[in-house]
Amino acid sequence: MDQSCYIFWCAGDLGQTEWTASTLKHIDSSDYDVFLLPGDLSYADSQQPLWDSFGRLVEPYASKRPWMVTEGNHEIESFPIIYPQGFQAYNARWPMPFQQSGSTSNLYYSFEVTATHFIMLGSYTDFDAQSQQYTWLQSDLANIDRAKTPWVIVLLHAPWYNTNEAHQGEGESMRQAMEELLYEARVDLVFAGHVHAYERFVCHTFSV
C-alpha cells in the first residue's frame, strides 16, 4: 500500500449485539489504519459488567489498530451525590490522548494522522462560549497548519442536522454555539452518530 494513503473507518453507536459483531467483522476485512467512533460504545448505562463484555467484544480489533473515540449520551452514567458529572467508567476505560492537544478533558481533544487533523468534540459537556471546550476549540482551530494537515475532520455524537423526528433539536444548542467556528476554519467533514441512520448533508459556498 502507498504509505501516503491512509484508510479511516467511522462507525458510531456500536453496542454489543449480533449487528455489532457483523459490523466489526466487515470493518476488519479491510486494511484500515484508524477506527473512529463518535460516541455510544457499550450501552452499559450504569451496568458495569456490560463495559467488561464490550471490552471483550472489541478487544480483537482494538488491540490491533488505534480506536479513537468520543462520548455519547450512553456514556454519561451520572450518579447524584457520588459522581454527578458522569463519565466515570468511560474516562477510566477509554482514556484518549487529550493532554497532547492542550485539552483538559478526556471528553474532547484532537490528534493528527498523516495529512488529517481530527477534532473529537463532546456533545454532553459544556460547549457554550464561556466553556473550557469552546475556548480549547478556538485555540485548536487557530493552530492548525493547513500546509501540514490540509484536511480537518470533526467528530461529535449528537448531529446538528438530521431528519429523525425523535431526535430533532438535540444538537441544536451545540450547533448554535460552535458551527460558526467550524465554518470559519473551513472544516472539511463532520461525522456524528446518535440517530442510527446514514444521512449526508453538503454545505455549498458561493461567491457573488
C-alpha atoms as a PDB file:
ATOM      1  CA  MET A   1       0.000   0.000   0.000  1.00  0.00           C
ATOM      2  CA  ASP A   2       1.114   3.540  -0.728  1.00  0.00           C
ATOM      3  CA  GLN A   3       2.360   4.837   2.625  1.00  0.00           C
ATOM      4  CA  SER A   4       0.862   8.260   1.871  1.00  0.00           C
ATOM      5  CA  CYS A   5      -2.612   6.709   1.699  1.00  0.00           C
ATOM      6  CA  TYR A   6      -4.424   6.063   4.979  1.00  0.00           C
ATOM      7  CA  ILE A   7      -7.843   4.467   5.457  1.00  0.00           C
ATOM      8  CA  PHE A   8     -10.188   5.605   8.227  1.00  0.00           C
ATOM      9  CA  TRP A   9     -13.344   3.789   9.309  1.00  0.00           C
ATOM     10  CA  CYS A  10     -16.075   5.700  11.140  1.00  0.00           C
ATOM     11  CA  ALA A  11     -18.986   3.988  12.911  1.00  0.00           C
ATOM     12  CA  GLY A  12     -20.925   5.133  15.944  1.00  0.00           C
ATOM     13  CA  ASP A  13     -23.434   3.622  18.351  1.00  0.00           C
ATOM     14  CA  LEU A  14     -21.820   0.186  18.349  1.00  0.00           C
ATOM     15  CA  GLY A  15     -23.416  -1.507  21.338  1.00  0.00           C
ATOM     16  CA  GLN A  16     -22.904  -5.256  21.644  1.00  0.00           C
ATOM     17  CA  THR A  17     -25.354  -7.223  19.539  1.00  0.00           C
ATOM     18  CA  GLU A  18     -25.097  -9.582  16.590  1.00  0.00           C
ATOM     19  CA  TRP A  19     -25.120  -6.486  14.421  1.00  0.00           C
ATOM     20  CA  THR A  20     -22.086  -5.165  16.302  1.00  0.00           C
ATOM     21  CA  ALA A  21     -20.205  -8.379  15.606  1.00  0.00           C
ATOM     22  CA  SER A  22     -21.033  -8.342  11.889  1.00  0.00           C
ATOM     23  CA  THR A  23     -20.145  -4.638  11.615  1.00  0.00           C
ATOM     24  CA  LEU A  24     -16.760  -5.182  13.223  1.00  0.00           C
ATOM     25  CA  LYS A  25     -16.031  -8.190  11.029  1.00  0.00           C
ATOM     26  CA  HIS A  26     -16.906  -6.135   7.959  1.00  0.00           C
ATOM     27  CA  ILE A  27     -14.626  -3.309   9.059  1.00  0.00           C
ATOM     28  CA  ASP A  28     -11.840  -5.747   9.887  1.00  0.00           C
ATOM     29  CA  SER A  29     -11.991  -7.211   6.379  1.00  0.00           C
ATOM     30  CA  SER A  30     -10.370  -4.018   5.049  1.00  0.00           C
ATOM     31  CA  ASP A  31      -6.808  -2.913   5.643  1.00  0.00           C
ATOM     32  CA  TYR A  32      -7.696   0.232   7.574  1.00  0.00           C
ATOM     33  CA  ASP A  33      -5.400   2.360   9.755  1.00  0.00           C
ATOM     34  CA  VAL A  34      -7.619   4.090  12.332  1.00  0.00           C
ATOM     35  CA  PHE A  35     -11.146   3.425  13.614  1.00  0.00           C
ATOM     36  CA  LEU A  36     -13.211   6.479  14.612  1.00  0.00           C
ATOM     37  CA  LEU A  37     -16.160   6.082  16.984  1.00  0.00           C
ATOM     38  CA  PRO A  38     -18.359   9.159  17.610  1.00  0.00           C
ATOM     39  CA  GLY A  39     -19.991   8.009  20.833  1.00  0.00           C
ATOM     40  CA  ASP A  40     -22.238   5.342  22.357  1.00  0.00           C
ATOM     41  CA  LEU A  41     -19.803   2.496  22.868  1.00  0.00           C
ATOM     42  CA  SER A  42     -21.025  -0.241  25.211  1.00  0.00           C
ATOM     43  CA  TYR A  43     -24.578   0.867  26.061  1.00  0.00           C
ATOM     44  CA  ALA A  44     -23.757  -0.172  29.607  1.00  0.00           C
ATOM     45  CA  ASP A  45     -25.978   2.582  31.028  1.00  0.00           C
ATOM     46  CA  SER A  46     -24.520   2.146  34.529  1.00  0.00           C
ATOM     47  CA  GLN A  47     -24.489  -1.688  34.369  1.00  0.00           C
ATOM     48  CA  GLN A  48     -20.745  -2.004  34.779  1.00  0.00           C
ATOM     49  CA  PRO A  49     -20.421  -5.688  33.696  1.00  0.00           C
ATOM     50  CA  LEU A  50     -21.565  -4.559  30.249  1.00  0.00           C
ATOM     51  CA  TRP A  51     -18.424  -2.452  29.978  1.00  0.00           C
ATOM     52  CA  ASP A  52     -16.438  -5.659  30.543  1.00  0.00           C
ATOM     53  CA  SER A  53     -18.353  -7.622  27.912  1.00  0.00           C
ATOM     54  CA  PHE A  54     -17.970  -4.778  25.441  1.00  0.00           C
ATOM     55  CA  GLY A  55     -14.245  -4.771  26.089  1.00  0.00           C
ATOM     56  CA  ARG A  56     -14.036  -8.466  25.355  1.00  0.00           C
ATOM     57  CA  LEU A  57     -16.076  -7.998  22.189  1.00  0.00           C
ATOM     58  CA  VAL A  58     -13.891  -5.268  20.704  1.00  0.00           C
ATOM     59  CA  GLU A  59     -10.506  -6.375  22.051  1.00  0.00           C
ATOM     60  CA  PRO A  60      -9.587  -8.473  18.959  1.00  0.00           C
ATOM     61  CA  TYR A  61      -9.991  -5.335  16.851  1.00  0.00           C
ATOM     62  CA  ALA A  62      -8.953  -2.506  19.188  1.00  0.00           C
ATOM     63  CA  SER A  63      -5.765  -4.363  20.136  1.00  0.00           C
ATOM     64  CA  LYS A  64      -4.576  -4.349  16.517  1.00  0.00           C
ATOM     65  CA  ARG A  65      -5.372  -0.823  15.341  1.00  0.00           C
ATOM     66  CA  PRO A  66      -5.978   2.540  17.031  1.00  0.00           C
ATOM     67  CA  TRP A  67      -9.523   3.273  18.150  1.00  0.00           C
ATOM     68  CA  MET A  68     -10.172   6.976  18.657  1.00  0.00           C
ATOM     69  CA  VAL A  69     -13.467   7.671  20.394  1.00  0.00           C
ATOM     70  CA  THR A  70     -15.585  10.427  21.847  1.00  0.00           C
ATOM     71  CA  GLU A  71     -18.513  10.116  24.241  1.00  0.00           C
ATOM     72  CA  GLY A  72     -22.215   9.718  23.555  1.00  0.00           C
ATOM     73  CA  ASN A  73     -25.294  10.004  25.763  1.00  0.00           C
ATOM     74  CA  HIS A  74     -24.998   6.369  26.880  1.00  0.00           C
ATOM     75  CA  GLU A  75     -21.593   7.149  28.419  1.00  0.00           C
ATOM     76  CA  ILE A  76     -22.900   9.817  30.804  1.00  0.00           C
ATOM     77  CA  GLU A  77     -23.818   7.425  33.652  1.00  0.00           C
ATOM     78  CA  SER A  78     -24.178  10.167  36.257  1.00  0.00           C
ATOM     79  CA  PHE A  79     -24.755   9.250  39.888  1.00  0.00           C
ATOM     80  CA  PRO A  80     -26.223  12.001  42.115  1.00  0.00           C
ATOM     81  CA  ILE A  81     -24.011  12.924  45.070  1.00  0.00           C
ATOM     82  CA  ILE A  82     -21.416  10.203  44.276  1.00  0.00           C
ATOM     83  CA  TYR A  83     -20.472  11.325  40.745  1.00  0.00           C
ATOM     84  CA  PRO A  84     -22.927  13.958  39.477  1.00  0.00           C
ATOM     85  CA  GLN A  85     -20.891  14.892  36.390  1.00  0.00           C
ATOM     86  CA  GLY A  86     -20.836  11.367  34.994  1.00  0.00           C
ATOM     87  CA  PHE A  87     -18.442   9.684  32.566  1.00  0.00           C
ATOM     88  CA  GLN A  88     -16.535   7.910  35.329  1.00  0.00           C
ATOM     89  CA  ALA A  89     -16.475   4.483  33.631  1.00  0.00           C
ATOM     90  CA  TYR A  90     -15.915   5.977  30.187  1.00  0.00           C
ATOM     91  CA  ASN A  91     -12.976   8.109  31.280  1.00  0.00           C
ATOM     92  CA  ALA A  92     -11.401   5.227  33.199  1.00  0.00           C
ATOM     93  CA  ARG A  93     -11.815   2.638  30.465  1.00  0.00           C
ATOM     94  CA  TRP A  94     -11.268   4.728  27.341  1.00  0.00           C
ATOM     95  CA  PRO A  95      -8.569   7.327  28.061  1.00  0.00           C
ATOM     96  CA  MET A  96      -7.696   9.324  24.981  1.00  0.00           C
ATOM     97  CA  PRO A  97      -4.520  11.448  24.467  1.00  0.00           C
ATOM     98  CA  PHE A  98      -6.293  14.710  25.272  1.00  0.00           C
ATOM     99  CA  GLN A  99      -3.380  16.404  27.041  1.00  0.00           C
ATOM    100  CA  GLN A 100      -1.281  16.333  23.868  1.00  0.00           C
ATOM    101  CA  SER A 101      -3.713  18.722  22.181  1.00  0.00           C
ATOM    102  CA  GLY A 102      -3.908  21.108  25.125  1.00  0.00           C
ATOM    103  CA  SER A 103      -7.312  19.856  26.290  1.00  0.00           C
ATOM    104  CA  THR A 104      -8.042  19.494  29.992  1.00  0.00           C
ATOM    105  CA  SER A 105     -10.743  16.849  29.458  1.00  0.00           C
ATOM    106  CA  ASN A 106     -10.905  13.331  28.059  1.00  0.00           C
ATOM    107  CA  LEU A 107     -14.278  14.353  26.580  1.00  0.00           C
ATOM    108  CA  TYR A 108     -12.766  16.495  23.812  1.00  0.00           C
ATOM    109  CA  TYR A 109      -9.376  16.543  22.130  1.00  0.00           C
ATOM    110  CA  SER A 110      -7.645  16.493  18.759  1.00  0.00           C
ATOM    111  CA  PHE A 111      -4.964  14.451  17.035  1.00  0.00           C
ATOM    112  CA  GLU A 112      -3.318  14.162  13.648  1.00  0.00           C
ATOM    113  CA  VAL A 113      -2.795  11.248  11.285  1.00  0.00           C
ATOM    114  CA  THR A 114      -0.752  11.943   8.165  1.00  0.00           C
ATOM    115  CA  ALA A 115      -2.440  14.895   6.345  1.00  0.00           C
ATOM    116  CA  THR A 116      -5.571  14.995   8.520  1.00  0.00           C
ATOM    117  CA  HIS A 117      -6.325  16.915  11.713  1.00  0.00           C
ATOM    118  CA  PHE A 118      -9.104  15.219  13.704  1.00  0.00           C
ATOM    119  CA  ILE A 119     -11.165  17.054  16.314  1.00  0.00           C
ATOM    120  CA  MET A 120     -13.252  14.991  18.745  1.00  0.00           C
ATOM    121  CA  LEU A 121     -15.911  17.151  20.403  1.00  0.00           C
ATOM    122  CA  GLY A 122     -18.043  16.434  23.463  1.00  0.00           C
ATOM    123  CA  SER A 123     -21.786  16.763  22.929  1.00  0.00           C
ATOM    124  CA  TYR A 124     -22.536  16.194  26.618  1.00  0.00           C
ATOM    125  CA  THR A 125     -20.146  18.531  28.363  1.00  0.00           C
ATOM    126  CA  ASP A 126     -20.246  22.336  28.403  1.00  0.00           C
ATOM    127  CA  PHE A 127     -19.793  23.874  24.967  1.00  0.00           C
ATOM    128  CA  ASP A 128     -21.122  27.446  25.173  1.00  0.00           C
ATOM    129  CA  ALA A 129     -18.906  30.464  24.533  1.00  0.00           C
ATOM    130  CA  GLN A 130     -17.875  30.624  28.212  1.00  0.00           C
ATOM    131  CA  SER A 131     -16.908  26.945  28.436  1.00  0.00           C
ATOM    132  CA  GLN A 132     -13.467  25.392  28.500  1.00  0.00           C
ATOM    133  CA  GLN A 133     -14.346  23.258  25.491  1.00  0.00           C
ATOM    134  CA  TYR A 134     -15.238  26.307  23.410  1.00  0.00           C
ATOM    135  CA  THR A 135     -12.029  28.112  24.384  1.00  0.00           C
ATOM    136  CA  TRP A 136      -9.998  24.994  23.614  1.00  0.00           C
ATOM    137  CA  LEU A 137     -11.690  24.557  20.226  1.00  0.00           C
ATOM    138  CA  GLN A 138     -10.924  28.158  19.273  1.00  0.00           C
ATOM    139  CA  SER A 139      -7.259  27.625  20.092  1.00  0.00           C
ATOM    140  CA  ASP A 140      -7.073  24.238  18.405  1.00  0.00           C
ATOM    141  CA  LEU A 141      -8.588  25.511  15.159  1.00  0.00           C
ATOM    142  CA  ALA A 142      -6.318  28.571  15.162  1.00  0.00           C
ATOM    143  CA  ASN A 143      -3.205  26.415  15.466  1.00  0.00           C
ATOM    144  CA  ILE A 144      -3.926  24.015  12.603  1.00  0.00           C
ATOM    145  CA  ASP A 145      -1.233  24.105   9.937  1.00  0.00           C
ATOM    146  CA  ARG A 146      -3.161  23.522   6.711  1.00  0.00           C
ATOM    147  CA  ALA A 147       0.101  23.089   4.816  1.00  0.00           C
ATOM    148  CA  LYS A 148       0.823  20.075   7.027  1.00  0.00           C
ATOM    149  CA  THR A 149      -2.741  18.840   7.568  1.00  0.00           C
ATOM    150  CA  PRO A 150      -4.916  20.185   4.736  1.00  0.00           C
ATOM    151  CA  TRP A 151      -7.854  18.013   5.842  1.00  0.00           C
ATOM    152  CA  VAL A 152      -9.787  18.841   9.012  1.00  0.00           C
ATOM    153  CA  ILE A 153     -12.422  16.364  10.228  1.00  0.00           C
ATOM    154  CA  VAL A 154     -14.666  16.795  13.278  1.00  0.00           C
ATOM    155  CA  LEU A 155     -16.495  14.048  15.180  1.00  0.00           C
ATOM    156  CA  LEU A 156     -19.292  14.537  17.705  1.00  0.00           C
ATOM    157  CA  HIS A 157     -22.215  12.436  18.884  1.00  0.00           C
ATOM    158  CA  ALA A 158     -25.488  14.356  18.579  1.00  0.00           C
ATOM    159  CA  PRO A 159     -25.829  15.567  14.962  1.00  0.00           C
ATOM    160  CA  TRP A 160     -26.538  19.205  14.293  1.00  0.00           C
ATOM    161  CA  TYR A 161     -28.716  18.313  11.310  1.00  0.00           C
ATOM    162  CA  ASN A 162     -30.859  15.206  10.869  1.00  0.00           C
ATOM    163  CA  THR A 163     -34.336  14.194   9.693  1.00  0.00           C
ATOM    164  CA  ASN A 164     -35.137  11.779  12.545  1.00  0.00           C
ATOM    165  CA  GLU A 165     -38.248  13.164  14.247  1.00  0.00           C
ATOM    166  CA  ALA A 166     -37.340  11.500  17.542  1.00  0.00           C
ATOM    167  CA  HIS A 167     -34.022  13.341  17.749  1.00  0.00           C
ATOM    168  CA  GLN A 168     -34.906  16.780  16.423  1.00  0.00           C
ATOM    169  CA  GLY A 169     -33.129  19.644  18.152  1.00  0.00           C
ATOM    170  CA  GLU A 170     -30.872  17.539  20.362  1.00  0.00           C
ATOM    171  CA  GLY A 171     -27.734  19.034  18.829  1.00  0.00           C
ATOM    172  CA  GLU A 172     -29.173  22.480  18.175  1.00  0.00           C
ATOM    173  CA  SER A 173     -27.687  24.341  21.138  1.00  0.00           C
ATOM    174  CA  MET A 174     -24.223  22.977  20.320  1.00  0.00           C
ATOM    175  CA  ARG A 175     -24.704  23.917  16.668  1.00  0.00           C
ATOM    176  CA  GLN A 176     -25.591  27.472  17.638  1.00  0.00           C
ATOM    177  CA  ALA A 177     -22.515  27.686  19.861  1.00  0.00           C
ATOM    178  CA  MET A 178     -19.897  26.091  17.616  1.00  0.00           C
ATOM    179  CA  GLU A 179     -20.976  25.869  13.990  1.00  0.00           C
ATOM    180  CA  GLU A 180     -19.597  29.272  13.064  1.00  0.00           C
ATOM    181  CA  LEU A 181     -16.189  28.341  14.494  1.00  0.00           C
ATOM    182  CA  LEU A 182     -16.040  25.247  12.269  1.00  0.00           C
ATOM    183  CA  TYR A 183     -17.326  27.141   9.241  1.00  0.00           C
ATOM    184  CA  GLU A 184     -14.811  29.960   9.607  1.00  0.00           C
ATOM    185  CA  ALA A 185     -11.998  27.412   9.979  1.00  0.00           C
ATOM    186  CA  ARG A 186     -13.126  25.692   6.760  1.00  0.00           C
ATOM    187  CA  VAL A 187     -13.610  22.285   8.377  1.00  0.00           C
ATOM    188  CA  ASP A 188     -13.986  19.689   5.634  1.00  0.00           C
ATOM    189  CA  LEU A 189     -16.150  16.973   7.199  1.00  0.00           C
ATOM    190  CA  VAL A 190     -18.251  16.468  10.328  1.00  0.00           C
ATOM    191  CA  PHE A 191     -19.259  12.956  11.409  1.00  0.00           C
ATOM    192  CA  ALA A 192     -21.925  12.286  14.036  1.00  0.00           C
ATOM    193  CA  GLY A 193     -23.794   9.326  15.473  1.00  0.00           C
ATOM    194  CA  HIS A 194     -26.890   9.025  17.671  1.00  0.00           C
ATOM    195  CA  VAL A 195     -29.692   8.634  15.087  1.00  0.00           C
ATOM    196  CA  HIS A 196     -28.702   5.130  13.885  1.00  0.00           C
ATOM    197  CA  ALA A 197     -29.038   6.052  10.227  1.00  0.00           C
ATOM    198  CA  TYR A 198     -26.929   7.243   7.318  1.00  0.00           C
ATOM    199  CA  GLU A 199     -27.612  10.801   6.230  1.00  0.00           C
ATOM    200  CA  ARG A 200     -25.425  13.222   4.310  1.00  0.00           C
ATOM    201  CA  PHE A 201     -25.564  16.991   4.186  1.00  0.00           C
ATOM    202  CA  VAL A 202     -23.440  19.202   1.938  1.00  0.00           C
ATOM    203  CA  CYS A 203     -22.671  22.855   2.551  1.00  0.00           C
ATOM    204  CA  HIS A 204     -22.001  24.917  -0.568  1.00  0.00           C
ATOM    205  CA  THR A 205     -20.305  28.311  -0.501  1.00  0.00           C
ATOM    206  CA  PHE A 206     -20.998  30.652  -3.395  1.00  0.00           C
ATOM    207  CA  SER A 207     -19.068  33.783  -4.331  1.00  0.00           C
ATOM    208  CA  VAL A 208     -21.141  36.722  -5.520  1.00  0.00           C
END
